[in-house]
């Protein structure tokens, strides 16, 4: 369970990336969030149950 106050969003929540970072390894390109989500620098995610979320960078419109 999350020890933070207020409690971090769960791994299933739409705002799961708002959870606090508990381990950061920028040299390897990933961070572990309090809710068990592994967040990659390309914005991909690995959820605690093993589900992979593809990178979801915003699309920049043509000028």
PDB file of N, CA and C in Angstrom:
ATOM      1  N   UNK A   1       0.831  -1.193   0.000  1.00  0.00           N
ATOM      2  CA  UNK A   1       0.000   0.000   0.000  1.00  0.00           C
ATOM      3  C   UNK A   1       0.870   1.250   0.000  1.00  0.00           C
ATOM      4  N   UNK A   2       0.363   2.287  -0.586  1.00  0.00           N
ATOM      5  CA  UNK A   2       1.081   3.552  -0.700  1.00  0.00           C
ATOM      6  C   UNK A   2       1.141   4.258   0.658  1.00  0.00           C
ATOM      7  N   UNK A   3       2.348   4.645   1.108  1.00  0.00           N
ATOM      8  CA  UNK A   3       2.471   5.345   2.389  1.00  0.00           C
ATOM      9  C   UNK A   3       2.309   6.863   2.284  1.00  0.00           C
ATOM     10  N   UNK A   4       2.102   7.375   1.078  1.00  0.00           N
ATOM     11  CA  UNK A   4       2.050   8.819   0.884  1.00  0.00           C
ATOM     12  C   UNK A   4       0.678   9.402   1.234  1.00  0.00           C
ATOM     13  N   UNK A   5       0.697  10.690   1.586  1.00  0.00           N
ATOM     14  CA  UNK A   5      -0.531  11.392   1.896  1.00  0.00           C
ATOM     15  C   UNK A   5      -0.557  12.663   1.060  1.00  0.00           C
ATOM     16  N   UNK A   6      -1.425  12.794   0.106  1.00  0.00           N
ATOM     17  CA  UNK A   6      -2.509  11.893  -0.265  1.00  0.00           C
ATOM     18  C   UNK A   6      -1.959  10.646  -0.974  1.00  0.00           C
ATOM     19  N   UNK A   7      -2.759   9.613  -0.988  1.00  0.00           N
ATOM     20  CA  UNK A   7      -2.371   8.336  -1.577  1.00  0.00           C
ATOM     21  C   UNK A   7      -2.166   8.492  -3.088  1.00  0.00           C
ATOM     22  N   UNK A   8      -1.133   7.849  -3.603  1.00  0.00           N
ATOM     23  CA  UNK A   8      -0.840   7.889  -5.043  1.00  0.00           C
ATOM     24  C   UNK A   8      -1.917   7.134  -5.820  1.00  0.00           C
ATOM     25  N   UNK A   9      -2.131   7.501  -7.086  1.00  0.00           N
ATOM     26  CA  UNK A   9      -3.107   6.780  -7.910  1.00  0.00           C
ATOM     27  C   UNK A   9      -2.676   5.326  -8.097  1.00  0.00           C
ATOM     28  N   UNK A  10      -3.635   4.438  -8.220  1.00  0.00           N
ATOM     29  CA  UNK A  10      -3.325   3.021  -8.416  1.00  0.00           C
ATOM     30  C   UNK A  10      -2.785   2.798  -9.826  1.00  0.00           C
ATOM     31  N   UNK A  11      -2.243   1.612 -10.058  1.00  0.00           N
ATOM     32  CA  UNK A  11      -1.701   1.267 -11.372  1.00  0.00           C
ATOM     33  C   UNK A  11      -2.793   1.181 -12.426  1.00  0.00           C
ATOM     34  N   UNK A  12      -4.035   0.997 -12.020  1.00  0.00           N
ATOM     35  CA  UNK A  12      -5.158   0.897 -12.956  1.00  0.00           C
ATOM     36  C   UNK A  12      -5.793   2.252 -13.251  1.00  0.00           C
ATOM     37  N   UNK A  13      -5.456   3.263 -12.491  1.00  0.00           N
ATOM     38  CA  UNK A  13      -6.062   4.591 -12.650  1.00  0.00           C
ATOM     39  C   UNK A  13      -5.550   5.278 -13.917  1.00  0.00           C
ATOM     40  N   UNK A  14      -6.387   6.094 -14.554  1.00  0.00           N
ATOM     41  CA  UNK A  14      -5.956   6.809 -15.761  1.00  0.00           C
ATOM     42  C   UNK A  14      -4.775   7.750 -15.507  1.00  0.00           C
ATOM     43  N   UNK A  15      -4.656   8.252 -14.272  1.00  0.00           N
ATOM     44  CA  UNK A  15      -3.565   9.169 -13.932  1.00  0.00           C
ATOM     45  C   UNK A  15      -2.431   8.465 -13.185  1.00  0.00           C
ATOM     46  N   UNK A  16      -2.217   7.168 -13.482  1.00  0.00           N
ATOM     47  CA  UNK A  16      -1.222   6.350 -12.771  1.00  0.00           C
ATOM     48  C   UNK A  16       0.182   6.942 -12.819  1.00  0.00           C
ATOM     49  N   UNK A  17       0.505   7.729 -13.843  1.00  0.00           N
ATOM     50  CA  UNK A  17       1.833   8.326 -13.966  1.00  0.00           C
ATOM     51  C   UNK A  17       2.079   9.421 -12.929  1.00  0.00           C
ATOM     52  N   UNK A  18       1.044   9.844 -12.212  1.00  0.00           N
ATOM     53  CA  UNK A  18       1.173  10.877 -11.190  1.00  0.00           C
ATOM     54  C   UNK A  18       1.696  10.327  -9.867  1.00  0.00           C
ATOM     55  N   UNK A  19       1.852   9.002  -9.759  1.00  0.00           N
ATOM     56  CA  UNK A  19       2.387   8.408  -8.531  1.00  0.00           C
ATOM     57  C   UNK A  19       3.834   8.861  -8.346  1.00  0.00           C
ATOM     58  N   UNK A  20       4.285   8.852  -7.113  1.00  0.00           N
ATOM     59  CA  UNK A  20       5.644   9.294  -6.809  1.00  0.00           C
ATOM     60  C   UNK A  20       6.679   8.266  -7.252  1.00  0.00           C
ATOM     61  N   UNK A  21       7.833   8.768  -7.646  1.00  0.00           N
ATOM     62  CA  UNK A  21       8.950   7.918  -8.056  1.00  0.00           C
ATOM     63  C   UNK A  21       9.636   7.374  -6.809  1.00  0.00           C
ATOM     64  N   UNK A  22       9.855   6.048  -6.783  1.00  0.00           N
ATOM     65  CA  UNK A  22      10.559   5.434  -5.651  1.00  0.00           C
ATOM     66  C   UNK A  22      11.949   4.945  -6.052  1.00  0.00           C
ATOM     67  N   UNK A  23      12.198   4.752  -7.343  1.00  0.00           N
ATOM     68  CA  UNK A  23      13.524   4.392  -7.847  1.00  0.00           C
ATOM     69  C   UNK A  23      13.664   4.982  -9.240  1.00  0.00           C
ATOM     70  N   UNK A  24      14.789   5.627  -9.479  1.00  0.00           N
ATOM     71  CA  UNK A  24      15.003   6.288 -10.763  1.00  0.00           C
ATOM     72  C   UNK A  24      16.350   5.849 -11.329  1.00  0.00           C
ATOM     73  N   UNK A  25      16.332   5.375 -12.559  1.00  0.00           N
ATOM     74  CA  UNK A  25      17.559   4.939 -13.228  1.00  0.00           C
ATOM     75  C   UNK A  25      17.614   5.573 -14.615  1.00  0.00           C
ATOM     76  N   UNK A  26      17.906   6.885 -14.686  1.00  0.00           N
ATOM     77  CA  UNK A  26      17.921   7.571 -15.980  1.00  0.00           C
ATOM     78  C   UNK A  26      18.980   7.019 -16.932  1.00  0.00           C
ATOM     79  N   UNK A  27      20.051   6.475 -16.385  1.00  0.00           N
ATOM     80  CA  UNK A  27      21.092   5.903 -17.241  1.00  0.00           C
ATOM     81  C   UNK A  27      20.591   4.660 -17.976  1.00  0.00           C
ATOM     82  N   UNK A  28      19.537   4.034 -17.439  1.00  0.00           N
ATOM     83  CA  UNK A  28      18.926   2.862 -18.067  1.00  0.00           C
ATOM     84  C   UNK A  28      17.584   3.196 -18.718  1.00  0.00           C
ATOM     85  N   UNK A  29      17.081   4.407 -18.470  1.00  0.00           N
ATOM     86  CA  UNK A  29      15.864   4.865 -19.133  1.00  0.00           C
ATOM     87  C   UNK A  29      14.561   4.452 -18.481  1.00  0.00           C
ATOM     88  N   UNK A  30      14.552   4.193 -17.161  1.00  0.00           N
ATOM     89  CA  UNK A  30      13.299   3.812 -16.512  1.00  0.00           C
ATOM     90  C   UNK A  30      13.248   4.312 -15.082  1.00  0.00           C
ATOM     91  N   UNK A  31      12.006   4.381 -14.575  1.00  0.00           N
ATOM     92  CA  UNK A  31      11.740   4.741 -13.180  1.00  0.00           C
ATOM     93  C   UNK A  31      10.642   3.835 -12.644  1.00  0.00           C
ATOM     94  N   UNK A  32      10.720   3.527 -11.356  1.00  0.00           N
ATOM     95  CA  UNK A  32       9.688   2.741 -10.686  1.00  0.00           C
ATOM     96  C   UNK A  32       8.837   3.693  -9.868  1.00  0.00           C
ATOM     97  N   UNK A  33       7.527   3.632 -10.081  1.00  0.00           N
ATOM     98  CA  UNK A  33       6.605   4.487  -9.341  1.00  0.00           C
ATOM     99  C   UNK A  33       6.069   3.752  -8.119  1.00  0.00           C
ATOM    100  N   UNK A  34       5.543   4.500  -7.171  1.00  0.00           N
ATOM    101  CA  UNK A  34       5.020   3.966  -5.917  1.00  0.00           C
ATOM    102  C   UNK A  34       3.937   2.908  -6.134  1.00  0.00           C
ATOM    103  N   UNK A  35       3.186   3.027  -7.215  1.00  0.00           N
ATOM    104  CA  UNK A  35       2.087   2.098  -7.481  1.00  0.00           C
ATOM    105  C   UNK A  35       2.543   0.838  -8.223  1.00  0.00           C
ATOM    106  N   UNK A  36       3.851   0.673  -8.411  1.00  0.00           N
ATOM    107  CA  UNK A  36       4.383  -0.526  -9.049  1.00  0.00           C
ATOM    108  C   UNK A  36       4.560  -0.421 -10.550  1.00  0.00           C
ATOM    109  N   UNK A  37       4.219   0.713 -11.130  1.00  0.00           N
ATOM    110  CA  UNK A  37       4.364   0.919 -12.574  1.00  0.00           C
ATOM    111  C   UNK A  37       5.820   1.253 -12.887  1.00  0.00           C
ATOM    112  N   UNK A  38       6.364   0.612 -13.925  1.00  0.00           N
ATOM    113  CA  UNK A  38       7.681   0.974 -14.442  1.00  0.00           C
ATOM    114  C   UNK A  38       7.430   1.915 -15.613  1.00  0.00           C
ATOM    115  N   UNK A  39       7.964   3.112 -15.506  1.00  0.00           N
ATOM    116  CA  UNK A  39       7.769   4.152 -16.508  1.00  0.00           C
ATOM    117  C   UNK A  39       9.067   4.313 -17.285  1.00  0.00           C
ATOM    118  N   UNK A  40       9.007   4.174 -18.608  1.00  0.00           N
ATOM    119  CA  UNK A  40      10.191   4.272 -19.452  1.00  0.00           C
ATOM    120  C   UNK A  40      10.316   5.666 -20.038  1.00  0.00           C
ATOM    121  N   UNK A  41      11.535   6.065 -20.376  1.00  0.00           N
ATOM    122  CA  UNK A  41      11.759   7.426 -20.872  1.00  0.00           C
ATOM    123  C   UNK A  41      11.077   7.703 -22.204  1.00  0.00           C
ATOM    124  N   UNK A  42      10.714   6.660 -22.953  1.00  0.00           N
ATOM    125  CA  UNK A  42       9.987   6.873 -24.207  1.00  0.00           C
ATOM    126  C   UNK A  42       8.484   6.983 -23.978  1.00  0.00           C
ATOM    127  N   UNK A  43       8.054   7.060 -22.730  1.00  0.00           N
ATOM    128  CA  UNK A  43       6.681   7.168 -22.228  1.00  0.00           C
ATOM    129  C   UNK A  43       5.920   5.852 -22.270  1.00  0.00           C
ATOM    130  N   UNK A  44       6.588   4.751 -22.570  1.00  0.00           N
ATOM    131  CA  UNK A  44       5.957   3.442 -22.436  1.00  0.00           C
ATOM    132  C   UNK A  44       5.888   3.072 -20.962  1.00  0.00           C
ATOM    133  N   UNK A  45       5.051   2.095 -20.639  1.00  0.00           N
ATOM    134  CA  UNK A  45       4.876   1.690 -19.245  1.00  0.00           C
ATOM    135  C   UNK A  45       4.758   0.172 -19.163  1.00  0.00           C
ATOM    136  N   UNK A  46       5.146  -0.356 -18.019  1.00  0.00           N
ATOM    137  CA  UNK A  46       4.933  -1.758 -17.703  1.00  0.00           C
ATOM    138  C   UNK A  46       4.168  -1.781 -16.391  1.00  0.00           C
ATOM    139  N   UNK A  47       2.947  -2.315 -16.432  1.00  0.00           N
ATOM    140  CA  UNK A  47       2.095  -2.350 -15.249  1.00  0.00           C
ATOM    141  C   UNK A  47       2.467  -3.543 -14.371  1.00  0.00           C
ATOM    142  N   UNK A  48       2.128  -3.507 -13.088  1.00  0.00           N
ATOM    143  CA  UNK A  48       2.510  -4.580 -12.173  1.00  0.00           C
ATOM    144  C   UNK A  48       2.070  -5.976 -12.613  1.00  0.00           C
ATOM    145  N   UNK A  49       0.957  -6.100 -13.301  1.00  0.00           N
ATOM    146  CA  UNK A  49       0.476  -7.403 -13.754  1.00  0.00           C
ATOM    147  C   UNK A  49       1.165  -7.905 -15.010  1.00  0.00           C
ATOM    148  N   UNK A  50       2.059  -7.100 -15.596  1.00  0.00           N
ATOM    149  CA  UNK A  50       2.781  -7.505 -16.783  1.00  0.00           C
ATOM    150  C   UNK A  50       2.258  -6.902 -18.074  1.00  0.00           C
ATOM    151  N   UNK A  51       1.190  -6.123 -18.000  1.00  0.00           N
ATOM    152  CA  UNK A  51       0.643  -5.469 -19.190  1.00  0.00           C
ATOM    153  C   UNK A  51       1.577  -4.350 -19.632  1.00  0.00           C
ATOM    154  N   UNK A  52       1.882  -4.328 -20.919  1.00  0.00           N
ATOM    155  CA  UNK A  52       2.722  -3.272 -21.476  1.00  0.00           C
ATOM    156  C   UNK A  52       1.838  -2.205 -22.115  1.00  0.00           C
ATOM    157  N   UNK A  53       2.161  -0.957 -21.860  1.00  0.00           N
ATOM    158  CA  UNK A  53       1.468   0.174 -22.456  1.00  0.00           C
ATOM    159  C   UNK A  53       2.453   0.808 -23.441  1.00  0.00           C
ATOM    160  N   UNK A  54       2.045   0.910 -24.699  1.00  0.00           N
ATOM    161  CA  UNK A  54       2.914   1.473 -25.731  1.00  0.00           C
ATOM    162  C   UNK A  54       3.211   2.939 -25.444  1.00  0.00           C
ATOM    163  N   UNK A  55       4.348   3.433 -25.919  1.00  0.00           N
ATOM    164  CA  UNK A  55       4.652   4.851 -25.756  1.00  0.00           C
ATOM    165  C   UNK A  55       3.502   5.703 -26.291  1.00  0.00           C
ATOM    166  N   UNK A  56       3.234   6.794 -25.594  1.00  0.00           N
ATOM    167  CA  UNK A  56       2.102   7.641 -25.966  1.00  0.00           C
ATOM    168  C   UNK A  56       2.485   9.106 -25.928  1.00  0.00           C
ATOM    169  N   UNK A  57       3.454   9.434 -26.746  1.00  0.00           N
ATOM    170  CA  UNK A  57       3.890  10.825 -26.853  1.00  0.00           C
ATOM    171  C   UNK A  57       2.838  11.625 -27.614  1.00  0.00           C
ATOM    172  N   UNK A  58       2.678  12.885 -27.263  1.00  0.00           N
ATOM    173  CA  UNK A  58       1.707  13.712 -28.002  1.00  0.00           C
ATOM    174  C   UNK A  58       2.157  13.922 -29.439  1.00  0.00           C
ATOM    175  N   UNK A  59       1.198  14.001 -30.340  1.00  0.00           N
ATOM    176  CA  UNK A  59       1.487  14.233 -31.749  1.00  0.00           C
ATOM    177  C   UNK A  59       1.496  15.739 -31.971  1.00  0.00           C
ATOM    178  N   UNK A  60       2.579  16.229 -32.540  1.00  0.00           N
ATOM    179  CA  UNK A  60       2.705  17.663 -32.809  1.00  0.00           C
ATOM    180  C   UNK A  60       2.176  17.933 -34.204  1.00  0.00           C
ATOM    181  N   UNK A  61       1.257  18.885 -34.320  1.00  0.00           N
ATOM    182  CA  UNK A  61       0.655  19.222 -35.615  1.00  0.00           C
ATOM    183  C   UNK A  61       1.631  19.945 -36.529  1.00  0.00           C
ATOM    184  N   UNK A  62       1.371  19.896 -37.809  1.00  0.00           N
ATOM    185  CA  UNK A  62       2.217  20.599 -38.801  1.00  0.00           C
ATOM    186  C   UNK A  62       2.023  22.094 -38.666  1.00  0.00           C
ATOM    187  N   UNK A  63       3.097  22.823 -38.901  1.00  0.00           N
ATOM    188  CA  UNK A  63       3.030  24.283 -38.774  1.00  0.00           C
ATOM    189  C   UNK A  63       2.419  24.921 -40.001  1.00  0.00           C
TER     190      UNK A  63
END
